[in-house]
Each structure stands twice: as structure tokens, then as C-alpha cells.
Amino acid sequence: MGTYSNLIWNPTYYDSAKDANLGFYSEYVGTTGWLVIVETELTARTEENTDTNGAFLSATENGLTYKCSIFPWNRVAGDNTPHSVEENCTNNRVDSILDEVDAMAGPEYPEETTTTTAAPGPAGQWD
């Protein structure tokens, strides 16, 4: 199960004029294949959680909010349409979303049996 504290953050929103990454994102794939992309929201920028260039000090600074985009387990490559999007999430809400995604239905695999029982053939003749 995923938790906010276990997310691995990657820099994004690079501003070449400021030579700074102005945001972060993380991806989480749930136990049933659903994908959550969590992004820091640029509107959460304050003097306390940014450096002099306006870049976030880290992805987990106090007061940050996040946008969570949820994609289904059967997503098609190249289709960037999320199943749902929730914005202005706190770190606690991100935790809840990750739990909800783990509980969502995933692919169903038909039960397969690998053993077959053949009907007995005609009995042999004894002389």
C-alpha cells in the first residue's frame, strides 16, 4: 500500500531563466494497476517554502497542496485522459487517495484449470 511519505518525488516545471525547478511530481501504481500522478500545485508557493528563485525547497514543505490525477488500470498508451482529478489536496488527502486507489477494482482474470480428465476409453478384451 502506498503512502504519501513513501512517494519518490521528481523535479518538474524547470524555469531556465531562474535555473530552478519550480515543482515536483510523483507517480504511484496501486496494487490493482491504477495510476496516480501527484503534482505540487504552483499556487501553494510562499516565501517560507521556496528559495530566492521561487523554487520549492522540497516536495513536502509545510503548506503545499497537490493535484492528484487518477488513471485506470486499463489505460491506453498515449491516452492522457484521467479517470478523475482532485486538486488542492493536503498530504493527508493524498494518503487517502492512495488507499482508495488500492481498493479500486482491477483486472479480473478468468479462472483457468490446467488439468483435464478424459473419459475412460473402451475396456480391453481379456481372452
N, C-alpha and C. Protein backbone atom coordinates (compact mmCIF):
# COMPACT_ATOMS: atom_id res chain seq x y z
N MET A 1 0.84 -1.17 0.00
CA MET A 1 0.00 0.00 0.00
C MET A 1 0.89 1.24 0.00
N GLY A 2 0.47 2.21 -0.75
CA GLY A 2 1.25 3.42 -0.87
C GLY A 2 0.91 4.43 0.21
N THR A 3 1.88 5.20 0.57
CA THR A 3 1.65 6.31 1.49
C THR A 3 2.38 7.54 0.98
N TYR A 4 1.87 8.68 1.37
CA TYR A 4 2.47 9.95 0.98
C TYR A 4 3.96 9.98 1.33
N SER A 5 4.29 9.50 2.52
CA SER A 5 5.69 9.57 2.97
C SER A 5 6.62 8.68 2.15
N ASN A 6 6.08 7.69 1.44
CA ASN A 6 6.92 6.79 0.63
C ASN A 6 7.02 7.21 -0.83
N LEU A 7 6.33 8.28 -1.22
CA LEU A 7 6.39 8.71 -2.61
C LEU A 7 7.80 9.19 -2.96
N ILE A 8 8.22 8.90 -4.17
CA ILE A 8 9.52 9.37 -4.67
C ILE A 8 9.24 10.54 -5.60
N TRP A 9 9.80 11.69 -5.27
CA TRP A 9 9.50 12.94 -5.99
C TRP A 9 10.54 13.23 -7.04
N ASN A 10 10.09 13.72 -8.18
CA ASN A 10 10.95 14.10 -9.30
C ASN A 10 10.72 15.57 -9.60
N PRO A 11 11.80 16.30 -9.88
CA PRO A 11 11.62 17.73 -10.20
C PRO A 11 10.94 17.91 -11.55
N THR A 12 10.19 18.99 -11.68
CA THR A 12 9.49 19.30 -12.91
C THR A 12 9.35 20.81 -13.00
N TYR A 13 8.71 21.31 -14.02
CA TYR A 13 8.50 22.74 -14.22
C TYR A 13 9.83 23.51 -14.17
N TYR A 14 10.79 23.08 -14.93
CA TYR A 14 12.09 23.75 -14.94
C TYR A 14 11.98 25.13 -15.59
N ASP A 15 12.48 26.14 -14.90
CA ASP A 15 12.49 27.52 -15.40
C ASP A 15 13.94 27.86 -15.71
N SER A 16 14.29 27.90 -17.01
CA SER A 16 15.68 28.13 -17.39
C SER A 16 16.16 29.53 -17.04
N ALA A 17 15.27 30.51 -17.05
CA ALA A 17 15.68 31.87 -16.70
C ALA A 17 16.10 31.95 -15.24
N LYS A 18 15.45 31.20 -14.38
CA LYS A 18 15.78 31.20 -12.96
C LYS A 18 16.72 30.05 -12.60
N ASP A 19 16.95 29.14 -13.56
CA ASP A 19 17.75 27.95 -13.33
C ASP A 19 17.25 27.21 -12.09
N ALA A 20 15.94 26.96 -12.08
CA ALA A 20 15.34 26.32 -10.90
C ALA A 20 14.18 25.44 -11.32
N ASN A 21 14.00 24.36 -10.57
CA ASN A 21 12.82 23.50 -10.73
C ASN A 21 11.72 24.09 -9.87
N LEU A 22 10.62 24.43 -10.49
CA LEU A 22 9.56 25.11 -9.77
C LEU A 22 8.45 24.18 -9.28
N GLY A 23 8.66 22.89 -9.34
CA GLY A 23 7.66 21.96 -8.85
C GLY A 23 8.17 20.54 -8.84
N PHE A 24 7.34 19.65 -8.35
CA PHE A 24 7.68 18.23 -8.25
C PHE A 24 6.47 17.38 -8.62
N TYR A 25 6.73 16.15 -9.00
CA TYR A 25 5.65 15.19 -9.24
C TYR A 25 6.11 13.82 -8.78
N SER A 26 5.13 12.96 -8.55
CA SER A 26 5.42 11.58 -8.19
C SER A 26 4.35 10.70 -8.82
N GLU A 27 4.71 9.46 -9.12
CA GLU A 27 3.77 8.50 -9.69
C GLU A 27 3.65 7.32 -8.74
N TYR A 28 2.41 6.86 -8.57
CA TYR A 28 2.16 5.69 -7.74
C TYR A 28 1.25 4.75 -8.51
N VAL A 29 1.65 3.50 -8.64
CA VAL A 29 0.81 2.49 -9.27
C VAL A 29 0.28 1.60 -8.15
N GLY A 30 -1.05 1.59 -8.02
CA GLY A 30 -1.70 0.82 -6.97
C GLY A 30 -1.59 -0.67 -7.17
N THR A 31 -2.02 -1.40 -6.17
CA THR A 31 -1.92 -2.86 -6.20
C THR A 31 -2.76 -3.48 -7.31
N THR A 32 -3.77 -2.75 -7.82
CA THR A 32 -4.61 -3.28 -8.90
C THR A 32 -4.31 -2.61 -10.24
N GLY A 33 -3.22 -1.85 -10.30
CA GLY A 33 -2.79 -1.28 -11.58
C GLY A 33 -3.23 0.15 -11.84
N TRP A 34 -4.06 0.72 -10.97
CA TRP A 34 -4.46 2.13 -11.16
C TRP A 34 -3.26 3.01 -10.92
N LEU A 35 -3.15 4.10 -11.69
CA LEU A 35 -2.02 5.02 -11.61
C LEU A 35 -2.47 6.35 -11.03
N VAL A 36 -1.69 6.87 -10.08
CA VAL A 36 -1.94 8.21 -9.52
C VAL A 36 -0.70 9.05 -9.79
N ILE A 37 -0.91 10.21 -10.41
CA ILE A 37 0.17 11.17 -10.59
C ILE A 37 -0.11 12.33 -9.64
N VAL A 38 0.82 12.57 -8.72
CA VAL A 38 0.68 13.62 -7.72
C VAL A 38 1.65 14.74 -8.09
N GLU A 39 1.12 15.96 -8.21
CA GLU A 39 1.95 17.12 -8.57
C GLU A 39 1.80 18.21 -7.52
N THR A 40 2.92 18.89 -7.21
CA THR A 40 2.81 20.05 -6.34
C THR A 40 2.08 21.14 -7.10
N GLU A 41 1.24 21.88 -6.41
CA GLU A 41 0.50 22.96 -7.05
C GLU A 41 1.29 24.26 -6.92
N LEU A 42 1.47 24.91 -8.04
CA LEU A 42 2.28 26.13 -8.05
C LEU A 42 1.64 27.25 -7.24
N THR A 43 0.33 27.20 -7.04
CA THR A 43 -0.34 28.24 -6.26
C THR A 43 -0.01 28.16 -4.78
N ALA A 44 0.62 27.07 -4.35
CA ALA A 44 0.98 26.91 -2.93
C ALA A 44 2.30 27.58 -2.58
N ARG A 45 2.88 28.30 -3.52
CA ARG A 45 4.20 28.91 -3.34
C ARG A 45 4.12 30.07 -2.34
N THR A 46 4.97 30.04 -1.31
CA THR A 46 5.09 31.13 -0.35
C THR A 46 6.57 31.40 -0.10
N GLU A 47 6.88 32.47 0.61
CA GLU A 47 8.29 32.77 0.93
C GLU A 47 8.87 31.70 1.84
N GLU A 48 8.03 31.09 2.67
CA GLU A 48 8.53 30.09 3.62
C GLU A 48 8.90 28.76 2.96
N ASN A 49 8.25 28.41 1.84
CA ASN A 49 8.53 27.09 1.25
C ASN A 49 9.27 27.17 -0.09
N THR A 50 9.82 28.34 -0.42
CA THR A 50 10.57 28.48 -1.66
C THR A 50 11.91 29.17 -1.40
N ASP A 51 12.81 29.02 -2.37
CA ASP A 51 14.09 29.72 -2.26
C ASP A 51 13.98 31.08 -2.94
N THR A 52 15.10 31.77 -3.10
CA THR A 52 15.07 33.12 -3.68
C THR A 52 14.65 33.12 -5.15
N ASN A 53 14.76 32.00 -5.84
CA ASN A 53 14.32 31.89 -7.23
C ASN A 53 12.85 31.52 -7.35
N GLY A 54 12.19 31.27 -6.23
CA GLY A 54 10.79 30.87 -6.27
C GLY A 54 10.60 29.38 -6.41
N ALA A 55 11.68 28.61 -6.33
CA ALA A 55 11.59 27.16 -6.43
C ALA A 55 11.25 26.57 -5.07
N PHE A 56 10.43 25.51 -5.08
CA PHE A 56 10.12 24.84 -3.82
C PHE A 56 11.39 24.28 -3.21
N LEU A 57 11.52 24.38 -1.89
CA LEU A 57 12.68 23.82 -1.21
C LEU A 57 12.64 22.29 -1.27
N SER A 58 11.45 21.71 -1.21
CA SER A 58 11.27 20.27 -1.38
C SER A 58 9.81 20.02 -1.75
N ALA A 59 9.50 18.79 -2.08
CA ALA A 59 8.12 18.44 -2.48
C ALA A 59 7.21 18.28 -1.28
N THR A 60 7.79 18.29 -0.08
CA THR A 60 6.99 18.01 1.11
C THR A 60 7.01 19.16 2.11
N GLU A 61 7.22 20.37 1.64
CA GLU A 61 7.24 21.53 2.54
C GLU A 61 5.86 21.76 3.16
N ASN A 62 5.86 22.31 4.35
CA ASN A 62 4.59 22.64 5.02
C ASN A 62 3.78 23.60 4.16
N GLY A 63 2.49 23.37 4.14
CA GLY A 63 1.59 24.26 3.42
C GLY A 63 1.41 23.96 1.95
N LEU A 64 2.15 23.00 1.42
CA LEU A 64 2.00 22.67 0.00
C LEU A 64 0.68 21.94 -0.23
N THR A 65 0.11 22.16 -1.39
CA THR A 65 -1.06 21.40 -1.81
C THR A 65 -0.71 20.67 -3.09
N TYR A 66 -1.48 19.65 -3.41
CA TYR A 66 -1.16 18.75 -4.50
C TYR A 66 -2.38 18.52 -5.39
N LYS A 67 -2.08 18.21 -6.64
CA LYS A 67 -3.09 17.81 -7.62
C LYS A 67 -2.88 16.32 -7.86
N CYS A 68 -3.95 15.54 -7.72
CA CYS A 68 -3.88 14.09 -7.93
C CYS A 68 -4.70 13.72 -9.16
N SER A 69 -4.05 13.13 -10.14
CA SER A 69 -4.73 12.65 -11.35
C SER A 69 -4.71 11.13 -11.31
N ILE A 70 -5.89 10.52 -11.45
CA ILE A 70 -6.03 9.08 -11.33
C ILE A 70 -6.37 8.49 -12.70
N PHE A 71 -5.57 7.49 -13.11
CA PHE A 71 -5.75 6.84 -14.40
C PHE A 71 -6.10 5.37 -14.17
N PRO A 72 -7.03 4.80 -14.96
CA PRO A 72 -7.47 3.42 -14.74
C PRO A 72 -6.40 2.39 -15.06
N TRP A 73 -6.62 1.21 -14.55
CA TRP A 73 -5.67 0.12 -14.77
C TRP A 73 -5.61 -0.27 -16.25
N ASN A 74 -6.70 -0.06 -17.00
CA ASN A 74 -6.73 -0.45 -18.41
C ASN A 74 -6.49 0.74 -19.33
N ARG A 75 -5.66 1.68 -18.88
CA ARG A 75 -5.38 2.87 -19.69
C ARG A 75 -4.66 2.47 -20.98
N VAL A 76 -4.89 3.26 -22.00
CA VAL A 76 -4.29 3.00 -23.31
C VAL A 76 -3.07 3.92 -23.46
N ALA A 77 -1.98 3.38 -23.95
CA ALA A 77 -0.78 4.19 -24.17
C ALA A 77 -1.11 5.39 -25.06
N GLY A 78 -0.68 6.55 -24.65
CA GLY A 78 -0.92 7.76 -25.42
C GLY A 78 -2.20 8.49 -25.04
N ASP A 79 -3.08 7.84 -24.27
CA ASP A 79 -4.31 8.49 -23.82
C ASP A 79 -4.03 9.15 -22.48
N ASN A 80 -4.02 10.47 -22.45
CA ASN A 80 -3.69 11.21 -21.24
C ASN A 80 -4.92 11.70 -20.49
N THR A 81 -6.06 11.06 -20.73
CA THR A 81 -7.30 11.47 -20.09
C THR A 81 -7.45 10.74 -18.76
N PRO A 82 -7.39 11.48 -17.64
CA PRO A 82 -7.52 10.80 -16.35
C PRO A 82 -8.95 10.37 -16.06
N HIS A 83 -9.09 9.36 -15.24
CA HIS A 83 -10.40 8.90 -14.75
C HIS A 83 -11.00 9.99 -13.86
N SER A 84 -10.16 10.59 -13.02
CA SER A 84 -10.60 11.69 -12.16
C SER A 84 -9.40 12.52 -11.74
N VAL A 85 -9.68 13.76 -11.33
CA VAL A 85 -8.64 14.69 -10.88
C VAL A 85 -9.15 15.37 -9.62
N GLU A 86 -8.29 15.45 -8.63
CA GLU A 86 -8.64 16.18 -7.42
C GLU A 86 -7.52 17.18 -7.14
N GLU A 87 -7.89 18.42 -6.96
CA GLU A 87 -6.90 19.47 -6.72
C GLU A 87 -6.99 19.98 -5.30
N ASN A 88 -5.98 20.76 -4.91
CA ASN A 88 -5.93 21.39 -3.59
C ASN A 88 -5.94 20.34 -2.48
N CYS A 89 -5.20 19.24 -2.68
CA CYS A 89 -5.14 18.16 -1.70
C CYS A 89 -4.01 18.42 -0.70
N THR A 90 -4.28 18.15 0.56
CA THR A 90 -3.22 18.17 1.56
C THR A 90 -2.50 16.83 1.52
N ASN A 91 -1.40 16.71 2.26
CA ASN A 91 -0.69 15.43 2.29
C ASN A 91 -1.57 14.32 2.87
N ASN A 92 -2.45 14.65 3.82
CA ASN A 92 -3.36 13.64 4.37
C ASN A 92 -4.36 13.16 3.33
N ARG A 93 -4.84 14.08 2.50
CA ARG A 93 -5.78 13.69 1.44
C ARG A 93 -5.08 12.82 0.40
N VAL A 94 -3.81 13.13 0.09
CA VAL A 94 -3.05 12.29 -0.84
C VAL A 94 -2.97 10.87 -0.29
N ASP A 95 -2.69 10.72 1.00
CA ASP A 95 -2.66 9.40 1.63
C ASP A 95 -3.99 8.67 1.42
N SER A 96 -5.09 9.37 1.64
CA SER A 96 -6.42 8.76 1.48
C SER A 96 -6.67 8.33 0.04
N ILE A 97 -6.25 9.16 -0.91
CA ILE A 97 -6.43 8.83 -2.32
C ILE A 97 -5.64 7.57 -2.69
N LEU A 98 -4.42 7.47 -2.18
CA LEU A 98 -3.60 6.28 -2.46
C LEU A 98 -4.29 5.03 -1.90
N ASP A 99 -4.87 5.13 -0.71
CA ASP A 99 -5.60 4.00 -0.13
C ASP A 99 -6.82 3.64 -0.97
N GLU A 100 -7.54 4.67 -1.42
CA GLU A 100 -8.74 4.44 -2.24
C GLU A 100 -8.37 3.75 -3.56
N VAL A 101 -7.27 4.16 -4.15
CA VAL A 101 -6.83 3.56 -5.41
C VAL A 101 -6.47 2.10 -5.22
N ASP A 102 -5.84 1.78 -4.10
CA ASP A 102 -5.51 0.38 -3.83
C ASP A 102 -6.76 -0.48 -3.68
N ALA A 103 -7.87 0.13 -3.28
CA ALA A 103 -9.12 -0.61 -3.08
C ALA A 103 -9.98 -0.68 -4.34
N MET A 104 -9.61 0.06 -5.39
CA MET A 104 -10.40 0.07 -6.62
C MET A 104 -10.24 -1.25 -7.36
N ALA A 105 -11.29 -1.63 -8.06
CA ALA A 105 -11.26 -2.89 -8.81
C ALA A 105 -10.23 -2.83 -9.92
N GLY A 106 -9.55 -3.91 -10.10
CA GLY A 106 -8.57 -4.03 -11.17
C GLY A 106 -9.02 -5.06 -12.18
N PRO A 107 -8.10 -5.56 -12.96
CA PRO A 107 -8.47 -6.55 -13.97
C PRO A 107 -8.94 -7.85 -13.31
N GLU A 108 -9.88 -8.47 -13.96
CA GLU A 108 -10.34 -9.77 -13.48
C GLU A 108 -9.83 -10.83 -14.44
N TYR A 109 -9.21 -11.82 -13.89
CA TYR A 109 -8.66 -12.89 -14.71
C TYR A 109 -9.54 -14.12 -14.57
N PRO A 110 -9.95 -14.69 -15.69
CA PRO A 110 -10.79 -15.89 -15.60
C PRO A 110 -10.00 -17.04 -14.97
N GLU A 111 -10.70 -17.81 -14.20
CA GLU A 111 -10.05 -18.95 -13.56
C GLU A 111 -9.78 -20.00 -14.63
N GLU A 112 -8.57 -20.47 -14.66
CA GLU A 112 -8.20 -21.48 -15.65
C GLU A 112 -7.78 -22.75 -14.93
N THR A 113 -8.22 -23.84 -15.46
CA THR A 113 -7.75 -25.12 -14.92
C THR A 113 -6.78 -25.71 -15.93
N THR A 114 -5.78 -26.32 -15.42
CA THR A 114 -4.77 -26.90 -16.31
C THR A 114 -4.85 -28.42 -16.33
N THR A 115 -5.78 -28.96 -15.58
CA THR A 115 -5.93 -30.40 -15.53
C THR A 115 -7.20 -30.79 -16.25
N THR A 116 -7.10 -31.77 -17.10
CA THR A 116 -8.30 -32.27 -17.77
C THR A 116 -8.44 -33.76 -17.44
N THR A 117 -9.66 -34.16 -17.33
CA THR A 117 -9.92 -35.57 -17.06
C THR A 117 -10.61 -36.14 -18.28
N ALA A 118 -9.95 -37.08 -18.91
CA ALA A 118 -10.54 -37.70 -20.09
C ALA A 118 -11.44 -38.86 -19.65
N ALA A 119 -12.52 -39.02 -20.36
CA ALA A 119 -13.40 -40.15 -20.08
C ALA A 119 -12.65 -41.43 -20.39
N PRO A 120 -12.85 -42.44 -19.60
CA PRO A 120 -12.13 -43.69 -19.87
C PRO A 120 -12.56 -44.27 -21.21
N GLY A 121 -11.62 -44.83 -21.90
CA GLY A 121 -11.89 -45.44 -23.21
C GLY A 121 -12.51 -46.83 -23.04
N PRO A 122 -12.74 -47.49 -24.13
CA PRO A 122 -13.33 -48.84 -24.04
C PRO A 122 -12.38 -49.77 -23.31
N ALA A 123 -12.97 -50.63 -22.55
CA ALA A 123 -12.18 -51.57 -21.79
C ALA A 123 -11.51 -52.58 -22.72
N GLY A 124 -10.33 -53.00 -22.36
CA GLY A 124 -9.64 -54.01 -23.17
C GLY A 124 -10.31 -55.39 -23.07
N GLN A 125 -10.10 -56.24 -24.05
CA GLN A 125 -10.71 -57.57 -24.11
C GLN A 125 -9.75 -58.59 -23.48
N TRP A 126 -10.26 -59.42 -22.56
CA TRP A 126 -9.46 -60.47 -21.98
C TRP A 126 -9.79 -61.77 -22.67
N ASP A 127 -8.81 -62.53 -22.98
CA ASP A 127 -9.03 -63.83 -23.60
C ASP A 127 -9.11 -64.92 -22.61
